[in-house]
Amino acid sequence: AEAMLAAKDMVDSVQDMIEKAGKMQNEQLPALIDSIRDQIGSEQAEAYKQAVMAALQGLSATLSQTREGLDGSARALTGEQAAPMAMV
């Protein structure tokens, strides 16, 4: 039972990371873009926005895939589903 709880805790930890990345993208970034626009300029703000949005979207996608893998593996421990195949 302890091992299953630890496996579920890993899933929850990655879920927390997903939520933090979403907060950065949806709450923190817009305010930062406004500050950059006011202090440095619109062109720099747009360039920064494009670069950071791409990075955060990549992070979110990777975290989501990781969460799915961890969740599937945790469910396999309890017999809820077959163990996921290893990615090659």
PDB file of N, CA and C in Angstrom:
ATOM      1  N   ALA A   1       0.829  -1.201   0.000  1.00  0.00           N
ATOM      2  CA  ALA A   1       0.000   0.000   0.000  1.00  0.00           C
ATOM      3  C   ALA A   1       0.869   1.258   0.000  1.00  0.00           C
ATOM      4  N   GLU A   2       1.989   1.184   0.716  1.00  0.00           N
ATOM      5  CA  GLU A   2       2.883   2.340   0.783  1.00  0.00           C
ATOM      6  C   GLU A   2       3.451   2.690  -0.586  1.00  0.00           C
ATOM      7  N   ALA A   3       3.821   1.684  -1.322  1.00  0.00           N
ATOM      8  CA  ALA A   3       4.389   1.900  -2.656  1.00  0.00           C
ATOM      9  C   ALA A   3       3.351   2.522  -3.584  1.00  0.00           C
ATOM     10  N   MET A   4       2.113   2.078  -3.485  1.00  0.00           N
ATOM     11  CA  MET A   4       1.054   2.636  -4.332  1.00  0.00           C
ATOM     12  C   MET A   4       0.792   4.094  -3.989  1.00  0.00           C
ATOM     13  N   LEU A   5       0.823   4.415  -2.715  1.00  0.00           N
ATOM     14  CA  LEU A   5       0.641   5.811  -2.300  1.00  0.00           C
ATOM     15  C   LEU A   5       1.791   6.683  -2.796  1.00  0.00           C
ATOM     16  N   ALA A   6       3.000   6.142  -2.747  1.00  0.00           N
ATOM     17  CA  ALA A   6       4.162   6.882  -3.245  1.00  0.00           C
ATOM     18  C   ALA A   6       4.056   7.100  -4.748  1.00  0.00           C
ATOM     19  N   ALA A   7       3.573   6.088  -5.469  1.00  0.00           N
ATOM     20  CA  ALA A   7       3.398   6.227  -6.924  1.00  0.00           C
ATOM     21  C   ALA A   7       2.339   7.276  -7.229  1.00  0.00           C
ATOM     22  N   LYS A   8       1.246   7.272  -6.482  1.00  0.00           N
ATOM     23  CA  LYS A   8       0.184   8.272  -6.665  1.00  0.00           C
ATOM     24  C   LYS A   8       0.703   9.671  -6.314  1.00  0.00           C
ATOM     25  N   ASP A   9       1.560   9.761  -5.314  1.00  0.00           N
ATOM     26  CA  ASP A   9       2.139  11.046  -4.924  1.00  0.00           C
ATOM     27  C   ASP A   9       2.981  11.635  -6.057  1.00  0.00           C
ATOM     28  N   MET A  10       3.668  10.767  -6.796  1.00  0.00           N
ATOM     29  CA  MET A  10       4.451  11.239  -7.941  1.00  0.00           C
ATOM     30  C   MET A  10       3.522  11.834  -9.003  1.00  0.00           C
ATOM     31  N   VAL A  11       2.385  11.170  -9.247  1.00  0.00           N
ATOM     32  CA  VAL A  11       1.408  11.695 -10.206  1.00  0.00           C
ATOM     33  C   VAL A  11       0.917  13.062  -9.739  1.00  0.00           C
ATOM     34  N   ASP A  12       0.605  13.168  -8.461  1.00  0.00           N
ATOM     35  CA  ASP A  12       0.123  14.438  -7.904  1.00  0.00           C
ATOM     36  C   ASP A  12       1.177  15.538  -8.005  1.00  0.00           C
ATOM     37  N   SER A  13       2.432  15.183  -7.813  1.00  0.00           N
ATOM     38  CA  SER A  13       3.513  16.171  -7.912  1.00  0.00           C
ATOM     39  C   SER A  13       3.628  16.720  -9.334  1.00  0.00           C
ATOM     40  N   VAL A  14       3.515  15.840 -10.326  1.00  0.00           N
ATOM     41  CA  VAL A  14       3.580  16.300 -11.713  1.00  0.00           C
ATOM     42  C   VAL A  14       2.345  17.139 -12.032  1.00  0.00           C
ATOM     43  N   GLN A  15       1.183  16.768 -11.486  1.00  0.00           N
ATOM     44  CA  GLN A  15      -0.030  17.566 -11.690  1.00  0.00           C
ATOM     45  C   GLN A  15       0.171  18.973 -11.137  1.00  0.00           C
ATOM     46  N   ASP A  16       0.816  19.090  -9.987  1.00  0.00           N
ATOM     47  CA  ASP A  16       1.117  20.405  -9.414  1.00  0.00           C
ATOM     48  C   ASP A  16       2.010  21.218 -10.361  1.00  0.00           C
ATOM     49  N   MET A  17       2.977  20.554 -10.982  1.00  0.00           N
ATOM     50  CA  MET A  17       3.851  21.233 -11.937  1.00  0.00           C
ATOM     51  C   MET A  17       3.049  21.732 -13.135  1.00  0.00           C
ATOM     52  N   ILE A  18       2.103  20.919 -13.606  1.00  0.00           N
ATOM     53  CA  ILE A  18       1.258  21.317 -14.726  1.00  0.00           C
ATOM     54  C   ILE A  18       0.469  22.575 -14.367  1.00  0.00           C
ATOM     55  N   GLU A  19      -0.075  22.585 -13.167  1.00  0.00           N
ATOM     56  CA  GLU A  19      -0.849  23.742 -12.711  1.00  0.00           C
ATOM     57  C   GLU A  19       0.022  24.986 -12.574  1.00  0.00           C
ATOM     58  N   LYS A  20       1.233  24.821 -12.081  1.00  0.00           N
ATOM     59  CA  LYS A  20       2.153  25.969 -11.965  1.00  0.00           C
ATOM     60  C   LYS A  20       2.537  26.507 -13.341  1.00  0.00           C
ATOM     61  N   ALA A  21       2.784  25.618 -14.297  1.00  0.00           N
ATOM     62  CA  ALA A  21       3.112  26.060 -15.664  1.00  0.00           C
ATOM     63  C   ALA A  21       1.926  26.803 -16.270  1.00  0.00           C
ATOM     64  N   GLY A  22       0.725  26.320 -16.021  1.00  0.00           N
ATOM     65  CA  GLY A  22      -0.479  26.996 -16.511  1.00  0.00           C
ATOM     66  C   GLY A  22      -0.640  28.373 -15.902  1.00  0.00           C
ATOM     67  N   LYS A  23      -0.334  28.485 -14.626  1.00  0.00           N
ATOM     68  CA  LYS A  23      -0.418  29.784 -13.948  1.00  0.00           C
ATOM     69  C   LYS A  23       0.594  30.764 -14.545  1.00  0.00           C
ATOM     70  N   MET A  24       1.802  30.282 -14.812  1.00  0.00           N
ATOM     71  CA  MET A  24       2.805  31.155 -15.436  1.00  0.00           C
ATOM     72  C   MET A  24       2.305  31.650 -16.784  1.00  0.00           C
ATOM     73  N   GLN A  25       1.752  30.732 -17.564  1.00  0.00           N
ATOM     74  CA  GLN A  25       1.311  31.057 -18.921  1.00  0.00           C
ATOM     75  C   GLN A  25       0.092  31.977 -18.917  1.00  0.00           C
ATOM     76  N   ASN A  26      -0.859  31.744 -18.043  1.00  0.00           N
ATOM     77  CA  ASN A  26      -2.123  32.463 -18.091  1.00  0.00           C
ATOM     78  C   ASN A  26      -2.247  33.645 -17.151  1.00  0.00           C
ATOM     79  N   GLU A  27      -1.442  33.673 -16.099  1.00  0.00           N
ATOM     80  CA  GLU A  27      -1.547  34.758 -15.130  1.00  0.00           C
ATOM     81  C   GLU A  27      -0.294  35.636 -15.079  1.00  0.00           C
ATOM     82  N   GLN A  28       0.861  35.000 -14.961  1.00  0.00           N
ATOM     83  CA  GLN A  28       2.087  35.766 -14.782  1.00  0.00           C
ATOM     84  C   GLN A  28       2.596  36.372 -16.084  1.00  0.00           C
ATOM     85  N   LEU A  29       2.568  35.605 -17.161  1.00  0.00           N
ATOM     86  CA  LEU A  29       3.126  36.075 -18.423  1.00  0.00           C
ATOM     87  C   LEU A  29       2.431  37.323 -18.964  1.00  0.00           C
ATOM     88  N   PRO A  30       1.095  37.395 -18.986  1.00  0.00           N
ATOM     89  CA  PRO A  30       0.468  38.609 -19.513  1.00  0.00           C
ATOM     90  C   PRO A  30       0.890  39.880 -18.774  1.00  0.00           C
ATOM     91  N   ALA A  31       0.984  39.808 -17.463  1.00  0.00           N
ATOM     92  CA  ALA A  31       1.414  40.975 -16.685  1.00  0.00           C
ATOM     93  C   ALA A  31       2.869  41.333 -16.994  1.00  0.00           C
ATOM     94  N   LEU A  32       3.697  40.310 -17.158  1.00  0.00           N
ATOM     95  CA  LEU A  32       5.104  40.550 -17.489  1.00  0.00           C
ATOM     96  C   LEU A  32       5.239  41.170 -18.870  1.00  0.00           C
ATOM     97  N   ILE A  33       4.451  40.695 -19.815  1.00  0.00           N
ATOM     98  CA  ILE A  33       4.481  41.255 -21.175  1.00  0.00           C
ATOM     99  C   ILE A  33       4.105  42.734 -21.138  1.00  0.00           C
ATOM    100  N   ASP A  34       3.090  43.075 -20.368  1.00  0.00           N
ATOM    101  CA  ASP A  34       2.696  44.482 -20.231  1.00  0.00           C
ATOM    102  C   ASP A  34       3.843  45.315 -19.668  1.00  0.00           C
ATOM    103  N   SER A  35       4.533  44.793 -18.669  1.00  0.00           N
ATOM    104  CA  SER A  35       5.666  45.508 -18.074  1.00  0.00           C
ATOM    105  C   SER A  35       6.796  45.690 -19.080  1.00  0.00           C
ATOM    106  N   ILE A  36       7.098  44.644 -19.828  1.00  0.00           N
ATOM    107  CA  ILE A  36       8.156  44.739 -20.843  1.00  0.00           C
ATOM    108  C   ILE A  36       7.773  45.772 -21.893  1.00  0.00           C
ATOM    109  N   ARG A  37       6.519  45.747 -22.324  1.00  0.00           N
ATOM    110  CA  ARG A  37       6.043  46.706 -23.323  1.00  0.00           C
ATOM    111  C   ARG A  37       6.208  48.142 -22.805  1.00  0.00           C
ATOM    112  N   ASP A  38       5.845  48.370 -21.546  1.00  0.00           N
ATOM    113  CA  ASP A  38       5.938  49.713 -20.951  1.00  0.00           C
ATOM    114  C   ASP A  38       7.374  50.159 -20.730  1.00  0.00           C
ATOM    115  N   GLN A  39       8.243  49.244 -20.318  1.00  0.00           N
ATOM    116  CA  GLN A  39       9.596  49.606 -19.929  1.00  0.00           C
ATOM    117  C   GLN A  39      10.625  49.490 -21.056  1.00  0.00           C
ATOM    118  N   ILE A  40      10.403  48.580 -21.989  1.00  0.00           N
ATOM    119  CA  ILE A  40      11.419  48.328 -23.013  1.00  0.00           C
ATOM    120  C   ILE A  40      10.902  48.614 -24.417  1.00  0.00           C
ATOM    121  N   GLY A  41       9.693  48.139 -24.711  1.00  0.00           N
ATOM    122  CA  GLY A  41       9.127  48.398 -26.026  1.00  0.00           C
ATOM    123  C   GLY A  41       8.249  47.262 -26.513  1.00  0.00           C
ATOM    124  N   SER A  42       7.372  47.585 -27.453  1.00  0.00           N
ATOM    125  CA  SER A  42       6.411  46.608 -27.970  1.00  0.00           C
ATOM    126  C   SER A  42       7.082  45.480 -28.739  1.00  0.00           C
ATOM    127  N   GLU A  43       8.077  45.827 -29.526  1.00  0.00           N
ATOM    128  CA  GLU A  43       8.754  44.801 -30.330  1.00  0.00           C
ATOM    129  C   GLU A  43       9.425  43.766 -29.441  1.00  0.00           C
ATOM    130  N   GLN A  44      10.114  44.216 -28.413  1.00  0.00           N
ATOM    131  CA  GLN A  44      10.781  43.299 -27.486  1.00  0.00           C
ATOM    132  C   GLN A  44       9.757  42.478 -26.696  1.00  0.00           C
ATOM    133  N   ALA A  45       8.648  43.114 -26.336  1.00  0.00           N
ATOM    134  CA  ALA A  45       7.607  42.411 -25.588  1.00  0.00           C
ATOM    135  C   ALA A  45       7.019  41.288 -26.437  1.00  0.00           C
ATOM    136  N   GLU A  46       6.778  41.553 -27.699  1.00  0.00           N
ATOM    137  CA  GLU A  46       6.214  40.535 -28.583  1.00  0.00           C
ATOM    138  C   GLU A  46       7.199  39.395 -28.812  1.00  0.00           C
ATOM    139  N   ALA A  47       8.464  39.723 -29.000  1.00  0.00           N
ATOM    140  CA  ALA A  47       9.488  38.691 -29.187  1.00  0.00           C
ATOM    141  C   ALA A  47       9.605  37.814 -27.937  1.00  0.00           C
ATOM    142  N   TYR A  48       9.600  38.464 -26.785  1.00  0.00           N
ATOM    143  CA  TYR A  48       9.673  37.721 -25.526  1.00  0.00           C
ATOM    144  C   TYR A  48       8.449  36.819 -25.371  1.00  0.00           C
ATOM    145  N   LYS A  49       7.289  37.359 -25.658  1.00  0.00           N
ATOM    146  CA  LYS A  49       6.040  36.600 -25.542  1.00  0.00           C
ATOM    147  C   LYS A  49       6.082  35.353 -26.421  1.00  0.00           C
ATOM    148  N   GLN A  50       6.495  35.500 -27.661  1.00  0.00           N
ATOM    149  CA  GLN A  50       6.541  34.360 -28.582  1.00  0.00           C
ATOM    150  C   GLN A  50       7.499  33.282 -28.077  1.00  0.00           C
ATOM    151  N   ALA A  51       8.666  33.689 -27.628  1.00  0.00           N
ATOM    152  CA  ALA A  51       9.665  32.727 -27.149  1.00  0.00           C
ATOM    153  C   ALA A  51       9.193  32.008 -25.884  1.00  0.00           C
ATOM    154  N   VAL A  52       8.653  32.769 -24.957  1.00  0.00           N
ATOM    155  CA  VAL A  52       8.252  32.187 -23.680  1.00  0.00           C
ATOM    156  C   VAL A  52       6.998  31.323 -23.842  1.00  0.00           C
ATOM    157  N   MET A  53       6.063  31.764 -24.663  1.00  0.00           N
ATOM    158  CA  MET A  53       4.861  30.958 -24.895  1.00  0.00           C
ATOM    159  C   MET A  53       5.247  29.596 -25.485  1.00  0.00           C
ATOM    160  N   ALA A  54       6.154  29.599 -26.447  1.00  0.00           N
ATOM    161  CA  ALA A  54       6.595  28.337 -27.054  1.00  0.00           C
ATOM    162  C   ALA A  54       7.247  27.438 -26.002  1.00  0.00           C
ATOM    163  N   ALA A  55       8.081  28.019 -25.163  1.00  0.00           N
ATOM    164  CA  ALA A  55       8.752  27.236 -24.124  1.00  0.00           C
ATOM    165  C   ALA A  55       7.752  26.667 -23.122  1.00  0.00           C
ATOM    166  N   LEU A  56       6.801  27.486 -22.688  1.00  0.00           N
ATOM    167  CA  LEU A  56       5.817  27.026 -21.711  1.00  0.00           C
ATOM    168  C   LEU A  56       4.858  25.991 -22.310  1.00  0.00           C
ATOM    169  N   GLN A  57       4.525  26.145 -23.576  1.00  0.00           N
ATOM    170  CA  GLN A  57       3.670  25.149 -24.226  1.00  0.00           C
ATOM    171  C   GLN A  57       4.402  23.810 -24.335  1.00  0.00           C
ATOM    172  N   GLY A  58       5.682  23.865 -24.655  1.00  0.00           N
ATOM    173  CA  GLY A  58       6.482  22.639 -24.703  1.00  0.00           C
ATOM    174  C   GLY A  58       6.578  21.981 -23.339  1.00  0.00           C
ATOM    175  N   LEU A  59       6.785  22.793 -22.329  1.00  0.00           N
ATOM    176  CA  LEU A  59       6.854  22.279 -20.963  1.00  0.00           C
ATOM    177  C   LEU A  59       5.538  21.625 -20.572  1.00  0.00           C
ATOM    178  N   SER A  60       4.446  22.300 -20.859  1.00  0.00           N
ATOM    179  CA  SER A  60       3.123  21.760 -20.511  1.00  0.00           C
ATOM    180  C   SER A  60       2.860  20.430 -21.218  1.00  0.00           C
ATOM    181  N   ALA A  61       3.219  20.345 -22.491  1.00  0.00           N
ATOM    182  CA  ALA A  61       3.018  19.102 -23.242  1.00  0.00           C
ATOM    183  C   ALA A  61       3.847  17.972 -22.647  1.00  0.00           C
ATOM    184  N   THR A  62       5.087  18.253 -22.328  1.00  0.00           N
ATOM    185  CA  THR A  62       5.964  17.240 -21.739  1.00  0.00           C
ATOM    186  C   THR A  62       5.448  16.797 -20.372  1.00  0.00           C
ATOM    187  N   LEU A  63       5.034  17.760 -19.563  1.00  0.00           N
ATOM    188  CA  LEU A  63       4.501  17.422 -18.242  1.00  0.00           C
ATOM    189  C   LEU A  63       3.234  16.586 -18.357  1.00  0.00           C
ATOM    190  N   SER A  64       2.378  16.906 -19.301  1.00  0.00           N
ATOM    191  CA  SER A  64       1.141  16.140 -19.489  1.00  0.00           C
ATOM    192  C   SER A  64       1.444  14.701 -19.892  1.00  0.00           C
ATOM    193  N   GLN A  65       2.397  14.527 -20.808  1.00  0.00           N
ATOM    194  CA  GLN A  65       2.792  13.178 -21.218  1.00  0.00           C
ATOM    195  C   GLN A  65       3.389  12.409 -20.040  1.00  0.00           C
ATOM    196  N   THR A  66       4.199  13.096 -19.260  1.00  0.00           N
ATOM    197  CA  THR A  66       4.822  12.474 -18.093  1.00  0.00           C
ATOM    198  C   THR A  66       3.767  12.053 -17.088  1.00  0.00           C
ATOM    199  N   ARG A  67       2.799  12.923 -16.856  1.00  0.00           N
ATOM    200  CA  ARG A  67       1.728  12.603 -15.909  1.00  0.00           C
ATOM    201  C   ARG A  67       0.949  11.380 -16.375  1.00  0.00           C
ATOM    202  N   GLU A  68       0.628  11.329 -17.658  1.00  0.00           N
ATOM    203  CA  GLU A  68      -0.100  10.182 -18.198  1.00  0.00           C
ATOM    204  C   GLU A  68       0.680   8.887 -17.997  1.00  0.00           C
ATOM    205  N   GLY A  69       1.973   8.944 -18.248  1.00  0.00           N
ATOM    206  CA  GLY A  69       2.813   7.764 -18.053  1.00  0.00           C
ATOM    207  C   GLY A  69       2.872   7.327 -16.610  1.00  0.00           C
ATOM    208  N   LEU A  70       3.054   8.282 -15.709  1.00  0.00           N
ATOM    209  CA  LEU A  70       3.110   7.954 -14.284  1.00  0.00           C
ATOM    210  C   LEU A  70       1.773   7.427 -13.791  1.00  0.00           C
ATOM    211  N   ASP A  71       0.689   8.039 -14.258  1.00  0.00           N
ATOM    212  CA  ASP A  71      -0.639   7.613 -13.845  1.00  0.00           C
ATOM    213  C   ASP A  71      -0.919   6.185 -14.328  1.00  0.00           C
ATOM    214  N   GLY A  72      -0.571   5.916 -15.578  1.00  0.00           N
ATOM    215  CA  GLY A  72      -0.764   4.564 -16.100  1.00  0.00           C
ATOM    216  C   GLY A  72       0.034   3.536 -15.329  1.00  0.00           C
ATOM    217  N   SER A  73       1.254   3.889 -14.987  1.00  0.00           N
ATOM    218  CA  SER A  73       2.100   2.970 -14.220  1.00  0.00           C
ATOM    219  C   SER A  73       1.548   2.755 -12.815  1.00  0.00           C
ATOM    220  N   ALA A  74       1.048   3.822 -12.200  1.00  0.00           N
ATOM    221  CA  ALA A  74       0.463   3.700 -10.859  1.00  0.00           C
ATOM    222  C   ALA A  74      -0.796   2.837 -10.909  1.00  0.00           C
ATOM    223  N   ARG A  75      -1.604   3.026 -11.948  1.00  0.00           N
ATOM    224  CA  ARG A  75      -2.819   2.217 -12.089  1.00  0.00           C
ATOM    225  C   ARG A  75      -2.471   0.745 -12.343  1.00  0.00           C
ATOM    226  N   ALA A  76      -1.387   0.512 -13.031  1.00  0.00           N
ATOM    227  CA  ALA A  76      -0.958  -0.869 -13.277  1.00  0.00           C
ATOM    228  C   ALA A  76      -0.592  -1.571 -11.971  1.00  0.00           C
ATOM    229  N   LEU A  77      -0.057  -0.814 -11.020  1.00  0.00           N
ATOM    230  CA  LEU A  77       0.282  -1.402  -9.717  1.00  0.00           C
ATOM    231  C   LEU A  77      -0.954  -1.933  -9.003  1.00  0.00           C
ATOM    232  N   THR A  78      -2.080  -1.259  -9.197  1.00  0.00           N
ATOM    233  CA  THR A  78      -3.313  -1.662  -8.527  1.00  0.00           C
ATOM    234  C   THR A  78      -4.136  -2.622  -9.379  1.00  0.00           C
ATOM    235  N   GLY A  79      -3.645  -2.901 -10.596  1.00  0.00           N
ATOM    236  CA  GLY A  79      -4.362  -3.811 -11.482  1.00  0.00           C
ATOM    237  C   GLY A  79      -5.472  -3.141 -12.257  1.00  0.00           C
ATOM    238  N   GLU A  80      -5.572  -1.800 -12.193  1.00  0.00           N
ATOM    239  CA  GLU A  80      -6.623  -1.070 -12.905  1.00  0.00           C
ATOM    240  C   GLU A  80      -6.429  -1.108 -14.412  1.00  0.00           C
ATOM    241  N   GLN A  81      -5.189  -1.203 -14.872  1.00  0.00           N
ATOM    242  CA  GLN A  81      -4.901  -1.268 -16.302  1.00  0.00           C
ATOM    243  C   GLN A  81      -3.567  -1.942 -16.501  1.00  0.00           C
ATOM    244  N   ALA A  82      -3.309  -2.345 -17.733  1.00  0.00           N
ATOM    245  CA  ALA A  82      -2.047  -2.985 -18.062  1.00  0.00           C
ATOM    246  C   ALA A  82      -0.922  -1.982 -17.957  1.00  0.00           C
ATOM    247  N   ALA A  83       0.246  -2.448 -17.638  1.00  0.00           N
ATOM    248  CA  ALA A  83       1.428  -1.573 -17.546  1.00  0.00           C
ATOM    249  C   ALA A  83       1.707  -0.971 -18.905  1.00  0.00           C
ATOM    250  N   PRO A  84       2.045   0.345 -18.946  1.00  0.00           N
ATOM    251  CA  PRO A  84       2.346   0.977 -20.228  1.00  0.00           C
ATOM    252  C   PRO A  84       3.639   0.418 -20.822  1.00  0.00           C
ATOM    253  N   MET A  85       3.687   0.401 -22.134  1.00  0.00           N
ATOM    254  CA  MET A  85       4.899  -0.063 -22.803  1.00  0.00           C
ATOM    255  C   MET A  85       5.959   1.020 -22.712  1.00  0.00           C
ATOM    256  N   ALA A  86       7.189   0.627 -22.554  1.00  0.00           N
ATOM    257  CA  ALA A  86       8.285   1.572 -22.459  1.00  0.00           C
ATOM    258  C   ALA A  86       8.457   2.304 -23.777  1.00  0.00           C
ATOM    259  N   MET A  87       8.717   3.613 -23.695  1.00  0.00           N
ATOM    260  CA  MET A  87       8.972   4.398 -24.910  1.00  0.00           C
ATOM    261  C   MET A  87      10.376   4.111 -25.390  1.00  0.00           C
ATOM    262  N   VAL A  88      10.534   3.989 -26.683  1.00  0.00           N
ATOM    263  CA  VAL A  88      11.834   3.672 -27.240  1.00  0.00           C
ATOM    264  C   VAL A  88      12.433   4.898 -27.865  1.00  0.00           C
TER     265      VAL A  88
END
